[in-house]
N, C-alpha and C. Protein backbone atom coordinates (compact mmCIF):
# COMPACT_ATOMS: atom_id res chain seq x y z
N MET A 1 0.68 -1.17 0.32
CA MET A 1 -0.23 -0.40 -0.11
C MET A 1 0.72 1.14 0.16
N LYS A 2 0.84 2.02 -1.08
CA LYS A 2 1.12 3.71 -0.60
C LYS A 2 1.02 4.73 0.46
N GLN A 3 2.17 4.94 0.67
CA GLN A 3 2.09 5.66 1.59
C GLN A 3 0.92 6.38 1.65
N HIS A 4 0.70 7.68 1.29
CA HIS A 4 -0.53 8.72 0.64
C HIS A 4 -1.81 7.88 0.75
N ASP A 5 -1.64 6.77 0.36
CA ASP A 5 -2.84 5.89 0.38
C ASP A 5 -3.19 5.27 2.01
N ILE A 6 -2.05 4.97 2.43
CA ILE A 6 -1.94 4.30 4.01
C ILE A 6 -2.66 6.12 4.83
N ILE A 7 -2.10 7.09 4.52
CA ILE A 7 -2.36 8.26 5.58
C ILE A 7 -3.90 8.55 5.41
N LYS A 8 -4.56 8.47 3.89
CA LYS A 8 -5.67 9.20 3.55
C LYS A 8 -6.38 7.97 4.73
N LYS A 9 -6.41 6.63 4.52
CA LYS A 9 -7.55 5.69 5.47
C LYS A 9 -7.27 6.18 6.61
N VAL A 10 -6.24 6.09 7.14
CA VAL A 10 -6.19 6.76 8.91
C VAL A 10 -6.81 7.87 8.81
N ASN A 11 -6.53 8.97 8.31
CA ASN A 11 -7.00 10.19 8.68
C ASN A 11 -9.06 9.62 8.83
N ASP A 12 -9.23 8.82 7.69
CA ASP A 12 -10.74 8.82 7.64
C ASP A 12 -11.01 8.73 8.69
N ILE A 13 -10.19 7.32 9.08
CA ILE A 13 -10.61 6.50 10.26
C ILE A 13 -10.54 7.57 11.86
N LEU A 14 -9.93 8.50 12.15
CA LEU A 14 -9.47 9.29 12.66
C LEU A 14 -10.92 10.52 12.53
N LYS A 15 -11.38 10.73 11.63
CA LYS A 15 -12.40 11.60 11.71
C LYS A 15 -13.69 11.18 12.14
N ASP A 16 -13.56 10.09 12.23
CA ASP A 16 -14.96 9.23 12.76
C ASP A 16 -14.80 8.67 14.11
N VAL A 17 -13.49 8.31 14.38
CA VAL A 17 -13.88 7.88 15.77
C VAL A 17 -14.45 8.51 17.21
N GLN A 18 -14.95 8.01 17.78
CA GLN A 18 -15.65 8.28 18.95
C GLN A 18 -14.56 8.11 20.15
N ASN A 19 -14.40 7.13 20.56
CA ASN A 19 -13.16 7.07 21.69
C ASN A 19 -11.77 6.97 21.35
N ILE A 20 -11.17 7.37 22.16
CA ILE A 20 -9.67 7.16 22.02
C ILE A 20 -9.04 6.82 23.58
N SER A 21 -8.14 5.77 23.28
CA SER A 21 -7.21 5.42 24.78
C SER A 21 -5.86 6.89 24.44
N PHE A 22 -5.73 7.32 25.38
CA PHE A 22 -4.48 8.44 25.79
C PHE A 22 -4.04 7.96 26.57
N ALA A 23 -2.22 7.80 26.56
CA ALA A 23 -1.50 7.56 27.30
C ALA A 23 -0.57 8.10 27.83
N THR A 24 -0.40 8.55 28.95
CA THR A 24 1.13 9.68 29.41
C THR A 24 1.85 8.31 30.73
N ILE A 25 2.76 9.39 30.83
CA ILE A 25 4.01 9.07 32.06
C ILE A 25 3.28 9.52 33.42
N THR A 26 3.26 8.56 34.51
CA THR A 26 2.88 9.42 35.73
C THR A 26 3.85 9.52 36.83
N PRO A 27 4.02 11.16 37.18
CA PRO A 27 4.85 11.55 38.10
C PRO A 27 6.00 10.75 38.73
N ASP A 28 5.21 9.51 38.80
CA ASP A 28 6.47 8.39 39.71
C ASP A 28 6.80 7.19 38.38
N GLY A 29 6.46 7.64 37.15
CA GLY A 29 6.83 6.65 36.43
C GLY A 29 5.89 5.61 36.22
N TYR A 30 4.79 5.45 36.40
CA TYR A 30 3.62 4.54 35.63
C TYR A 30 3.35 4.84 34.60
N PRO A 31 3.04 3.98 33.07
CA PRO A 31 2.25 4.36 32.64
C PRO A 31 0.49 4.83 32.83
N HIS A 32 -0.10 5.41 32.01
CA HIS A 32 -1.34 5.94 33.02
C HIS A 32 -2.29 5.79 31.44
N VAL A 33 -3.22 5.07 30.95
CA VAL A 33 -4.21 5.30 30.02
C VAL A 33 -5.58 5.73 30.64
N ALA A 34 -5.76 6.29 29.77
CA ALA A 34 -7.48 7.29 29.90
C ALA A 34 -8.33 7.24 28.52
N THR A 35 -9.42 7.05 28.74
CA THR A 35 -10.49 7.04 27.52
C THR A 35 -10.69 8.62 27.20
N ARG A 36 -10.45 9.12 26.09
CA ARG A 36 -10.72 10.79 25.93
C ARG A 36 -11.59 10.47 24.29
N THR A 37 -12.26 11.75 24.31
CA THR A 37 -12.71 12.10 22.79
C THR A 37 -12.18 13.76 22.36
N PHE A 38 -11.29 13.27 20.98
CA PHE A 38 -10.57 14.55 20.41
C PHE A 38 -12.19 15.57 20.38
N CYS A 39 -11.34 16.69 20.85
CA CYS A 39 -12.05 18.10 20.80
C CYS A 39 -12.87 18.12 19.00
N LYS A 40 -12.61 17.92 18.21
CA LYS A 40 -12.79 18.21 16.80
C LYS A 40 -12.06 17.30 15.94
N PRO A 41 -12.49 16.75 14.67
CA PRO A 41 -12.43 15.93 13.87
C PRO A 41 -10.30 16.36 13.77
N THR A 42 -9.96 15.13 13.42
CA THR A 42 -8.13 15.20 13.57
C THR A 42 -7.79 14.47 12.32
N ASN A 43 -6.13 14.61 12.34
CA ASN A 43 -5.75 13.85 11.47
C ASN A 43 -4.84 13.22 11.85
N ILE A 44 -3.93 12.38 11.18
CA ILE A 44 -2.53 11.77 11.68
C ILE A 44 -2.01 12.32 12.19
N LEU A 45 -1.18 13.88 12.14
CA LEU A 45 -0.16 15.04 12.73
C LEU A 45 -0.79 15.31 14.37
N GLY A 46 -1.52 14.65 14.52
CA GLY A 46 -1.78 15.09 15.86
C GLY A 46 -3.49 15.71 15.96
N GLY A 47 -4.02 15.71 17.49
CA GLY A 47 -5.08 16.31 17.52
C GLY A 47 -5.53 16.92 19.06
N TYR A 48 -6.49 17.19 19.50
CA TYR A 48 -6.63 17.98 20.52
C TYR A 48 -7.67 17.35 21.77
N ILE A 49 -7.42 17.14 22.64
CA ILE A 49 -8.50 16.67 24.13
C ILE A 49 -8.43 17.77 25.22
N SER A 50 -9.49 17.28 25.81
CA SER A 50 -10.04 18.46 27.08
C SER A 50 -9.99 17.60 28.21
N THR A 51 -9.31 18.20 29.31
CA THR A 51 -9.41 17.64 30.61
C THR A 51 -8.80 18.97 31.83
N ASN A 52 -9.20 17.86 33.18
CA ASN A 52 -8.83 18.93 34.06
C ASN A 52 -7.71 19.97 33.97
N THR A 53 -7.21 20.78 34.93
CA THR A 53 -6.19 21.49 34.96
C THR A 53 -5.54 20.46 36.31
N SER A 54 -6.46 19.82 37.28
CA SER A 54 -5.64 19.84 38.51
C SER A 54 -5.79 17.82 38.24
N GLY A 55 -6.24 17.19 36.89
CA GLY A 55 -6.16 15.80 36.85
C GLY A 55 -4.92 15.15 36.80
N ASN A 56 -4.75 13.97 36.48
CA ASN A 56 -3.80 12.89 36.21
C ASN A 56 -3.74 13.50 34.80
N LEU A 57 -4.07 13.58 33.98
CA LEU A 57 -3.58 13.68 32.36
C LEU A 57 -2.07 15.50 32.51
N ALA A 58 -2.68 16.54 33.13
CA ALA A 58 -2.31 17.20 32.93
C ALA A 58 -1.29 17.37 33.93
N GLN A 59 -1.32 17.02 35.22
CA GLN A 59 -0.05 17.02 36.19
C GLN A 59 1.10 15.92 35.50
N SER A 60 0.64 15.20 34.71
CA SER A 60 1.28 13.79 33.87
C SER A 60 2.16 15.04 33.19
N ILE A 61 1.35 15.23 32.08
CA ILE A 61 2.38 16.17 31.00
C ILE A 61 3.19 17.09 31.57
N THR A 62 2.42 18.01 32.18
CA THR A 62 3.80 18.97 33.24
C THR A 62 4.96 18.26 32.97
N LYS A 63 5.05 17.01 34.00
CA LYS A 63 6.08 16.27 34.08
C LYS A 63 7.02 15.69 33.21
N ASN A 64 6.09 15.14 32.61
CA ASN A 64 6.67 14.09 31.11
C ASN A 64 5.82 14.05 29.97
N ASN A 65 6.50 14.68 28.79
CA ASN A 65 5.60 15.28 27.65
C ASN A 65 5.56 14.38 26.69
N LYS A 66 5.57 13.13 27.00
CA LYS A 66 5.91 11.66 26.12
C LYS A 66 4.49 11.34 26.28
N ALA A 67 3.77 11.13 25.23
CA ALA A 67 2.36 10.56 25.01
C ALA A 67 2.06 9.94 24.19
N SER A 68 0.71 8.87 24.11
CA SER A 68 0.60 8.17 23.16
C SER A 68 -1.20 8.11 22.77
N ILE A 69 -1.50 7.52 21.67
CA ILE A 69 -2.93 7.88 21.34
C ILE A 69 -3.14 6.50 20.25
N CYS A 70 -4.29 5.67 20.64
CA CYS A 70 -4.25 4.30 20.88
C CYS A 70 -5.98 4.47 19.63
N ALA A 71 -6.39 3.99 18.53
CA ALA A 71 -7.69 4.59 18.37
C ALA A 71 -7.80 2.76 17.61
N SER A 72 -9.01 2.41 18.25
CA SER A 72 -9.52 1.02 17.18
C SER A 72 -10.63 1.25 16.72
N VAL A 73 -11.16 0.79 15.60
CA VAL A 73 -12.23 1.12 14.49
C VAL A 73 -12.43 -0.32 13.89
N GLY A 74 -13.15 -1.46 14.00
CA GLY A 74 -13.55 -2.38 13.64
C GLY A 74 -12.20 -3.40 14.08
N ASP A 75 -11.58 -3.35 12.30
CA ASP A 75 -10.62 -4.72 12.57
C ASP A 75 -9.21 -3.92 12.67
N ASP A 76 -9.61 -1.80 12.27
CA ASP A 76 -8.07 -1.43 11.98
C ASP A 76 -8.05 -0.47 13.55
N ASN A 77 -6.23 -0.33 13.59
CA ASN A 77 -5.28 -0.08 14.51
C ASN A 77 -4.79 0.84 14.38
N ILE A 78 -4.71 2.17 15.22
CA ILE A 78 -3.98 2.90 14.71
C ILE A 78 -3.35 3.71 16.09
N THR A 79 -2.09 3.45 16.32
CA THR A 79 -0.83 4.17 17.41
C THR A 79 -0.60 5.40 16.81
N LEU A 80 -0.07 6.31 17.77
CA LEU A 80 0.42 7.62 17.13
C LEU A 80 1.35 8.08 18.76
N VAL A 81 2.37 7.79 18.34
CA VAL A 81 3.81 8.19 19.51
C VAL A 81 4.23 9.54 19.54
N GLY A 82 4.29 10.44 20.54
CA GLY A 82 4.54 11.64 20.26
C GLY A 82 4.50 11.93 21.67
N THR A 83 4.61 13.96 21.77
CA THR A 83 4.24 14.61 22.66
C THR A 83 3.20 15.08 23.14
N ALA A 84 3.10 15.89 24.10
CA ALA A 84 2.17 16.54 24.60
C ALA A 84 2.24 17.82 25.11
N LYS A 85 1.35 18.92 25.39
CA LYS A 85 1.55 19.90 26.23
C LYS A 85 0.03 20.61 26.44
N ILE A 86 0.03 21.10 27.62
CA ILE A 86 -0.95 22.00 28.00
C ILE A 86 -1.11 23.47 27.70
N VAL A 87 -2.27 22.89 27.07
CA VAL A 87 -2.73 24.67 26.37
C VAL A 87 -3.91 25.33 27.05
N TYR A 88 -3.59 26.79 27.49
CA TYR A 88 -4.19 27.42 27.96
C TYR A 88 -4.75 28.82 27.52
N ASP A 89 -3.88 28.88 26.48
CA ASP A 89 -4.93 29.83 25.19
C ASP A 89 -6.15 29.91 25.39
N LYS A 90 -7.04 31.15 25.73
CA LYS A 90 -7.87 31.18 25.64
C LYS A 90 -8.74 31.27 24.39
N LYS A 91 -8.10 31.85 23.36
CA LYS A 91 -8.93 31.56 21.69
C LYS A 91 -8.46 30.01 21.33
N ILE A 92 -7.57 29.39 21.68
CA ILE A 92 -7.94 28.37 21.18
C ILE A 92 -8.60 27.63 22.09
N LYS A 93 -9.00 27.64 23.39
CA LYS A 93 -9.73 27.05 24.00
C LYS A 93 -11.58 27.56 23.58
N GLU A 94 -11.27 28.76 22.94
CA GLU A 94 -12.38 29.05 22.81
C GLU A 94 -13.39 28.49 21.59
N LYS A 95 -12.17 28.04 20.41
CA LYS A 95 -12.29 27.82 19.27
C LYS A 95 -12.62 25.87 19.32
N LEU A 96 -11.83 24.88 20.45
CA LEU A 96 -12.35 23.80 20.45
C LEU A 96 -13.21 23.41 21.25
N TRP A 97 -14.18 24.78 22.46
CA TRP A 97 -14.88 24.05 23.31
C TRP A 97 -15.95 23.48 22.39
N ILE A 98 -17.03 22.72 23.36
CA ILE A 98 -17.58 21.96 22.87
C ILE A 98 -19.18 21.91 23.50
N ASP A 99 -20.48 22.32 23.53
CA ASP A 99 -21.31 22.59 24.56
C ASP A 99 -21.39 21.60 25.25
N TRP A 100 -21.25 20.16 25.17
CA TRP A 100 -21.55 19.32 26.61
C TRP A 100 -20.47 19.72 27.42
N PHE A 101 -19.70 20.32 27.08
CA PHE A 101 -18.42 20.47 27.91
C PHE A 101 -18.48 21.18 29.38
N ILE A 102 -19.77 22.17 29.32
CA ILE A 102 -20.32 22.80 30.25
C ILE A 102 -20.87 21.91 31.73
N ASN A 103 -20.91 20.10 31.27
CA ASN A 103 -21.10 19.60 32.28
C ASN A 103 -20.10 19.02 33.18
N HIS A 104 -18.40 19.45 32.43
CA HIS A 104 -17.55 19.48 33.35
C HIS A 104 -17.13 20.69 33.73
N TYR A 105 -17.11 21.82 32.94
CA TYR A 105 -16.98 22.68 33.58
C TYR A 105 -18.10 23.85 33.48
N THR A 106 -18.67 23.77 34.71
CA THR A 106 -19.36 24.57 35.21
C THR A 106 -19.49 25.98 34.89
N GLN A 107 -17.99 26.58 34.95
CA GLN A 107 -17.64 28.04 34.47
C GLN A 107 -17.54 28.27 32.81
N GLY A 108 -17.90 27.67 32.06
CA GLY A 108 -17.69 27.37 31.10
C GLY A 108 -15.96 27.72 30.48
N ILE A 109 -15.75 28.14 29.74
CA ILE A 109 -14.62 28.57 29.08
C ILE A 109 -13.78 29.49 30.27
N ASP A 110 -14.05 29.70 30.66
CA ASP A 110 -13.11 30.51 31.69
C ASP A 110 -13.11 29.74 32.77
N ASP A 111 -13.79 28.83 33.14
CA ASP A 111 -13.11 27.44 34.04
C ASP A 111 -12.16 27.56 34.16
N PRO A 112 -11.40 27.46 35.63
CA PRO A 112 -10.00 27.50 35.16
C PRO A 112 -9.81 25.76 35.47
N GLU A 113 -10.61 25.07 35.15
CA GLU A 113 -9.92 23.57 35.35
C GLU A 113 -10.43 23.41 34.04
N TYR A 114 -10.51 24.01 33.26
CA TYR A 114 -10.82 23.76 31.78
C TYR A 114 -9.77 24.18 30.93
N CYS A 115 -8.77 22.94 30.45
CA CYS A 115 -7.78 23.12 29.42
C CYS A 115 -7.63 21.99 28.67
N ILE A 116 -6.72 22.73 27.64
CA ILE A 116 -6.34 21.70 26.41
C ILE A 116 -5.33 21.05 26.42
N ILE A 117 -5.33 19.74 26.20
CA ILE A 117 -3.94 19.04 25.92
C ILE A 117 -3.86 19.04 24.23
N GLU A 118 -2.70 19.53 23.69
CA GLU A 118 -2.08 19.51 22.13
C GLU A 118 -1.58 18.23 21.90
N PHE A 119 -1.66 17.37 21.16
CA PHE A 119 -0.70 16.16 21.34
C PHE A 119 -0.26 16.07 19.37
N THR A 120 0.95 16.21 19.19
CA THR A 120 1.54 15.59 18.09
C THR A 120 2.29 14.85 18.08
N THR A 121 1.82 14.01 17.01
CA THR A 121 2.75 13.11 16.23
C THR A 121 3.89 13.06 15.97
N GLU A 122 4.69 11.75 16.33
CA GLU A 122 6.30 11.63 15.71
C GLU A 122 6.06 10.41 15.14
N ARG A 123 5.56 9.34 15.81
CA ARG A 123 5.93 8.37 14.85
C ARG A 123 4.81 7.20 15.25
N VAL A 124 4.60 6.98 14.09
CA VAL A 124 3.45 5.76 13.53
C VAL A 124 3.58 4.74 13.63
N SER A 125 2.24 3.50 14.26
CA SER A 125 2.16 2.20 13.84
C SER A 125 0.63 1.90 13.78
N LEU A 126 0.94 0.92 12.38
CA LEU A 126 -0.57 0.52 12.07
C LEU A 126 -0.85 -0.54 11.44
N TRP A 127 -2.40 -0.85 11.98
CA TRP A 127 -2.56 -2.28 11.07
C TRP A 127 -3.94 -1.85 10.58
N VAL A 128 -3.87 -1.77 9.42
CA VAL A 128 -4.90 -1.19 8.70
C VAL A 128 -5.31 -2.25 7.25
N ASP A 129 -6.47 -2.37 7.54
CA ASP A 129 -6.81 -3.11 6.03
C ASP A 129 -5.70 -4.05 6.00
N ARG A 130 -5.62 -5.33 7.17
CA ARG A 130 -4.90 -6.41 7.20
C ARG A 130 -3.55 -5.91 6.43
N GLU A 131 -2.87 -4.55 6.92
CA GLU A 131 -1.46 -4.59 6.62
C GLU A 131 -0.71 -3.81 7.82
N ILE A 132 0.45 -4.03 7.76
CA ILE A 132 0.86 -3.15 9.01
C ILE A 132 2.15 -2.13 8.09
N ALA A 133 2.32 -1.21 8.82
CA ALA A 133 2.94 -0.03 8.12
C ALA A 133 3.30 0.92 9.68
N LYS A 134 4.51 0.76 9.47
CA LYS A 134 5.33 1.87 10.96
C LYS A 134 6.04 2.86 10.27
N PHE A 135 6.54 3.91 10.34
CA PHE A 135 7.16 5.48 9.99
C PHE A 135 7.10 6.43 10.72
N ASN A 136 7.81 7.47 10.78
CA ASN A 136 8.33 8.63 11.29
C ASN A 136 7.61 9.89 10.70
N ILE A 137 7.06 10.50 11.72
CA ILE A 137 6.23 11.61 10.92
C ILE A 137 6.83 12.30 9.42
N ASP A 138 8.36 12.48 9.96
CA ASP A 138 9.59 13.26 9.13
C ASP A 138 9.14 12.55 7.93
N SER A 139 9.02 11.69 7.57
CA SER A 139 8.93 11.10 6.18
C SER A 139 8.25 11.66 4.93
N PHE A 140 7.24 12.27 5.83
CA PHE A 140 6.61 12.88 5.26
C PHE A 140 5.92 13.77 5.06
N ILE A 141 6.20 14.78 6.09
CA ILE A 141 5.48 16.23 6.75
C ILE A 141 6.31 17.26 5.63
N ASN A 142 7.50 16.57 5.04
CA ASN A 142 7.90 18.07 3.59
C ASN A 142 7.77 17.20 2.54
N PRO A 143 7.76 18.44 1.50
CA PRO A 143 6.89 18.21 0.30
C PRO A 143 7.81 17.43 -0.22
N VAL A 144 7.37 15.97 -0.78
CA VAL A 144 8.51 15.33 -2.07
C VAL A 144 8.32 15.44 -3.35
N SER A 145 7.08 16.15 -3.52
CA SER A 145 6.45 15.63 -4.74
C SER A 145 5.63 17.29 -4.62
N TYR A 146 4.88 17.21 -6.12
CA TYR A 146 4.22 18.54 -6.13
C TYR A 146 3.17 18.26 -6.30
N CYS A 147 2.63 17.04 -6.54
CA CYS A 147 0.80 16.29 -6.33
C CYS A 147 0.40 16.09 -5.26
N GLY A 148 1.52 15.35 -4.40
CA GLY A 148 0.86 15.16 -3.21
C GLY A 148 1.27 13.96 -3.15
N LEU A 149 1.73 12.78 -4.00
CA LEU A 149 2.35 11.59 -4.16
C LEU A 149 3.68 11.23 -3.04
N LEU A 150 3.80 10.22 -2.33
CA LEU A 150 4.98 10.21 -1.61
C LEU A 150 6.02 9.09 -1.76
N CYS A 151 6.89 9.54 -2.34
CA CYS A 151 8.10 8.36 -3.53
C CYS A 151 8.37 7.50 -2.82
N THR A 152 8.94 7.30 -1.33
CA THR A 152 8.94 6.36 -0.23
C THR A 152 8.42 5.08 -0.69
N THR A 153 7.09 4.99 -0.70
CA THR A 153 6.43 3.71 -1.35
C THR A 153 6.09 3.88 -2.52
N CYS A 154 6.73 4.44 -3.26
CA CYS A 154 6.45 4.20 -4.91
C CYS A 154 7.16 3.24 -5.27
N ASP A 155 6.44 2.14 -6.42
CA ASP A 155 6.83 1.54 -6.99
C ASP A 155 7.95 1.80 -8.00
N PHE A 156 7.73 2.88 -8.57
CA PHE A 156 8.82 3.00 -9.74
C PHE A 156 10.24 3.88 -9.26
N VAL A 157 10.26 3.99 -7.97
CA VAL A 157 11.62 4.66 -7.28
C VAL A 157 12.75 3.94 -7.86
N LYS A 158 12.68 2.37 -7.36
CA LYS A 158 13.71 1.21 -7.71
C LYS A 158 13.52 0.94 -9.07
N SER A 159 12.55 0.41 -9.44
CA SER A 159 12.72 -0.33 -10.64
C SER A 159 12.78 0.65 -12.11
N ASN A 160 12.53 2.41 -11.59
CA ASN A 160 12.97 2.85 -12.83
C ASN A 160 13.80 4.34 -12.78
N ASN A 161 14.59 3.46 -11.69
CA ASN A 161 15.73 4.67 -10.97
C ASN A 161 15.32 5.93 -10.65
N CYS A 162 14.20 6.26 -10.30
CA CYS A 162 13.29 7.22 -10.54
C CYS A 162 13.19 8.46 -8.94
N ASN A 163 14.24 9.74 -9.43
CA ASN A 163 14.04 10.84 -8.27
C ASN A 163 13.02 11.41 -7.79
N GLY A 164 12.07 11.45 -8.57
CA GLY A 164 10.75 12.27 -8.30
C GLY A 164 10.82 13.30 -9.23
N CYS A 165 9.40 14.31 -9.30
CA CYS A 165 9.40 15.07 -9.93
C CYS A 165 10.46 16.33 -9.55
N ILE A 166 10.44 16.60 -8.48
CA ILE A 166 11.07 17.75 -7.73
C ILE A 166 12.23 17.51 -7.49
N ALA A 167 12.97 16.57 -7.34
CA ALA A 167 14.64 16.69 -7.92
C ALA A 167 15.00 16.75 -9.53
N THR A 168 14.05 15.93 -10.14
CA THR A 168 14.08 16.28 -11.83
C THR A 168 13.53 17.18 -12.01
N LYS A 169 12.92 18.20 -11.51
CA LYS A 169 12.23 19.50 -12.07
C LYS A 169 11.10 19.07 -13.32
N GLY A 170 10.47 18.11 -12.41
CA GLY A 170 9.23 17.98 -13.00
C GLY A 170 9.31 16.93 -14.42
N ASN A 171 10.52 16.19 -14.44
CA ASN A 171 10.93 15.32 -15.27
C ASN A 171 11.03 13.67 -14.77
N PRO A 172 9.93 13.31 -14.12
CA PRO A 172 10.15 11.82 -13.54
C PRO A 172 10.55 10.74 -14.76
N PHE A 173 10.58 9.31 -14.62
CA PHE A 173 11.49 8.77 -15.41
C PHE A 173 10.67 8.46 -16.06
N TYR A 174 9.33 8.83 -16.40
CA TYR A 174 8.65 8.90 -17.79
C TYR A 174 8.26 9.74 -18.40
N GLY A 175 8.94 10.92 -18.16
CA GLY A 175 8.89 12.07 -19.29
C GLY A 175 8.30 13.77 -18.37
N GLU A 176 8.25 14.42 -19.03
CA GLU A 176 7.42 16.01 -18.52
C GLU A 176 5.63 15.30 -17.68
N CYS A 177 6.13 15.84 -16.84
CA CYS A 177 5.07 15.87 -15.78
C CYS A 177 4.03 17.24 -15.87
N LYS A 178 2.80 17.50 -16.40
CA LYS A 178 2.11 18.39 -16.37
C LYS A 178 1.76 18.81 -15.24
N ILE A 179 1.35 18.22 -14.13
CA ILE A 179 1.27 18.63 -12.38
C ILE A 179 2.41 19.56 -12.29
N ALA A 180 3.58 19.17 -12.26
CA ALA A 180 4.82 19.40 -11.86
C ALA A 180 4.90 20.28 -13.02
N LYS A 181 5.09 20.68 -14.12
CA LYS A 181 5.23 21.83 -14.87
C LYS A 181 4.41 23.14 -14.72
N CYS A 182 3.24 22.59 -14.48
CA CYS A 182 2.22 23.60 -13.71
C CYS A 182 2.97 24.33 -12.76
N CYS A 183 3.64 23.74 -11.50
CA CYS A 183 3.50 24.53 -10.26
C CYS A 183 4.85 25.01 -10.40
N LEU A 184 5.72 24.87 -11.22
CA LEU A 184 7.07 25.39 -11.42
C LEU A 184 7.07 26.45 -12.46
N GLU A 185 5.62 26.88 -13.06
CA GLU A 185 5.57 27.57 -13.99
C GLU A 185 4.83 28.69 -12.85
N LYS A 186 3.82 28.68 -12.17
CA LYS A 186 3.37 29.06 -11.18
C LYS A 186 4.51 29.46 -9.62
N GLU A 187 5.63 29.00 -9.87
CA GLU A 187 6.50 28.94 -8.55
C GLU A 187 5.85 28.37 -7.55
N LEU A 188 5.42 27.06 -7.53
CA LEU A 188 4.82 26.93 -6.21
C LEU A 188 5.97 25.73 -5.77
N ALA A 189 5.45 25.22 -4.51
CA ALA A 189 6.56 24.27 -4.23
C ALA A 189 5.33 22.70 -3.95
N HIS A 190 4.23 23.43 -4.30
CA HIS A 190 3.45 22.01 -4.19
C HIS A 190 2.27 22.45 -4.45
N CYS A 191 1.34 21.34 -4.73
CA CYS A 191 -0.16 21.92 -5.64
C CYS A 191 -1.12 22.65 -4.41
N GLY A 192 -0.67 21.89 -2.62
CA GLY A 192 -1.47 22.71 -1.74
C GLY A 192 -1.37 24.24 -1.56
N GLN A 193 -0.24 24.76 -2.58
CA GLN A 193 0.22 26.60 -2.50
C GLN A 193 -0.99 27.06 -3.26
N CYS A 194 -1.61 25.82 -4.29
CA CYS A 194 -2.40 26.94 -5.17
C CYS A 194 -3.98 27.43 -5.04
N ASP A 195 -4.34 28.43 -5.08
CA ASP A 195 -5.75 28.93 -4.87
C ASP A 195 -6.97 27.65 -5.79
N LYS A 196 -6.28 27.01 -7.09
CA LYS A 196 -7.16 26.59 -7.57
C LYS A 196 -7.57 24.65 -7.21
N MET A 197 -6.48 24.67 -6.47
CA MET A 197 -6.71 23.14 -5.87
C MET A 197 -7.80 22.81 -4.84
N PRO A 198 -8.96 22.25 -5.28
CA PRO A 198 -7.69 20.89 -6.40
C PRO A 198 -8.70 21.15 -8.06
N CYS A 199 -7.44 21.41 -8.51
CA CYS A 199 -7.95 21.71 -9.79
C CYS A 199 -8.57 20.55 -10.77
N ASP A 200 -8.86 20.27 -12.35
CA ASP A 200 -9.35 19.42 -12.84
C ASP A 200 -8.01 18.39 -13.01
N MET A 201 -6.90 19.01 -13.33
CA MET A 201 -6.18 18.06 -13.34
C MET A 201 -5.55 17.28 -12.66
N LEU A 202 -5.18 17.98 -10.81
CA LEU A 202 -5.64 17.38 -9.88
C LEU A 202 -5.92 15.87 -9.91
N LYS A 203 -7.39 16.16 -10.10
CA LYS A 203 -8.46 15.44 -9.53
C LYS A 203 -8.56 14.15 -10.80
N GLU A 204 -7.79 14.75 -11.97
CA GLU A 204 -7.51 13.41 -12.70
C GLU A 204 -6.77 12.12 -12.37
N TYR A 205 -5.41 12.97 -11.65
CA TYR A 205 -4.82 12.36 -11.18
C TYR A 205 -5.38 11.33 -9.77
N SER A 206 -5.28 12.11 -8.39
CA SER A 206 -5.94 11.80 -7.18
C SER A 206 -7.15 11.03 -7.08
N CYS A 207 -8.40 11.34 -8.35
CA CYS A 207 -9.44 10.73 -8.05
C CYS A 207 -10.08 10.42 -9.22
N GLY A 208 -9.35 9.95 -10.19
CA GLY A 208 -9.76 9.07 -10.86
C GLY A 208 -9.76 7.89 -11.16
N ASP A 209 -10.22 6.62 -12.41
CA ASP A 209 -10.19 5.54 -11.71
C ASP A 209 -9.06 4.80 -12.70
N GLY A 210 -8.34 5.24 -13.12
CA GLY A 210 -7.11 4.70 -13.88
C GLY A 210 -6.07 3.99 -13.04
N GLU A 211 -5.21 3.06 -13.42
CA GLU A 211 -4.40 1.95 -12.46
C GLU A 211 -3.59 2.58 -11.69
N HIS A 212 -2.92 3.99 -11.81
CA HIS A 212 -2.04 4.51 -11.02
C HIS A 212 -2.69 5.52 -10.06
N CYS A 213 -3.96 5.39 -10.33
CA CYS A 213 -4.91 6.75 -9.11
C CYS A 213 -4.96 6.36 -8.03
N ASP A 214 -5.07 7.15 -7.15
CA ASP A 214 -5.08 6.91 -5.31
C ASP A 214 -6.18 6.01 -5.49
N LYS A 215 -5.88 5.07 -4.26
CA LYS A 215 -6.93 3.80 -3.82
C LYS A 215 -6.54 3.90 -2.40
N PRO A 216 -7.39 4.68 -1.33
CA PRO A 216 -8.89 5.38 -2.15
C PRO A 216 -8.03 6.54 -2.26
N LYS A 217 -9.34 7.14 -3.28
CA LYS A 217 -9.67 8.38 -4.22
C LYS A 217 -9.09 9.45 -3.17
N GLY A 218 -8.37 10.38 -3.60
CA GLY A 218 -8.25 12.00 -2.45
C GLY A 218 -6.80 11.59 -1.73
N SER A 219 -6.49 10.25 -1.93
CA SER A 219 -5.25 10.05 -0.81
C SER A 219 -4.29 11.71 -1.22
N ARG A 220 -3.80 11.92 -2.27
CA ARG A 220 -3.09 12.83 -2.50
C ARG A 220 -3.94 13.99 -2.24
N LEU A 221 -4.73 14.85 -2.43
CA LEU A 221 -5.09 15.71 -1.90
C LEU A 221 -4.88 15.43 -0.36
N GLU A 222 -5.36 14.73 0.44
CA GLU A 222 -5.30 14.77 1.86
C GLU A 222 -3.73 15.14 2.18
N VAL A 223 -2.66 14.97 1.75
CA VAL A 223 -1.72 15.07 2.19
C VAL A 223 -1.04 16.49 1.45
N LEU A 224 -1.78 17.09 0.51
CA LEU A 224 -1.57 18.40 0.58
C LEU A 224 -2.15 19.36 1.12
N GLU A 225 -3.35 18.93 1.56
CA GLU A 225 -4.04 19.80 2.85
C GLU A 225 -3.13 20.25 4.06
N MET A 226 -2.39 18.68 4.16
CA MET A 226 -1.54 18.71 5.32
C MET A 226 -0.28 19.06 4.91
N TRP A 227 0.14 19.05 3.94
CA TRP A 227 1.19 19.99 3.60
C TRP A 227 1.01 21.70 3.22
N LYS A 228 -0.16 22.25 3.09
CA LYS A 228 -0.68 22.99 3.61
C LYS A 228 -0.76 23.77 4.51
């Protein structure tokens, strides 16, 4: 499975997941797992969780910022490992406030017990569609193509000695790439920077039915949104 296709599948799962397991290290060095819900739909890069300022999670993160998230839906399992920090910024708290939070924070957004945990992913371990995948976020967070394709798992890298469209200035192994040419003419680092994204040409690559189109459809668009 190509990496951009994996990321699309993972993001689709994370957008719909109801509950997650959030693991931290307690001040006395023991692992602690709590069931939580994301404040808003999230993706593989990380997410936000609400918690009590004086609670175990906040106290643990203050002492040790290492954390992990596990989401399980059906036969699929997603484990994200990274770091967490406590966010007290009122604008962020207002943006992430959900009406039912009032049951926990009776004074609303200004309740001193209301704070946000910001989780940032560093590495990923997956069991999705009966396939195992492990990788670091650094492997795809920086643009490696114009269209959102992730070259690290492309079938043609080794078989055709392809260095990718950015390294070859729009001329990968098969010849001139029209998407790369468009980005170069517009002086864009990738299609995600274009105000016309996704254009018909990009949709043809990412959402078409051809042999080399994304499966699931729109995988490259998902990557471009994160690069953006």
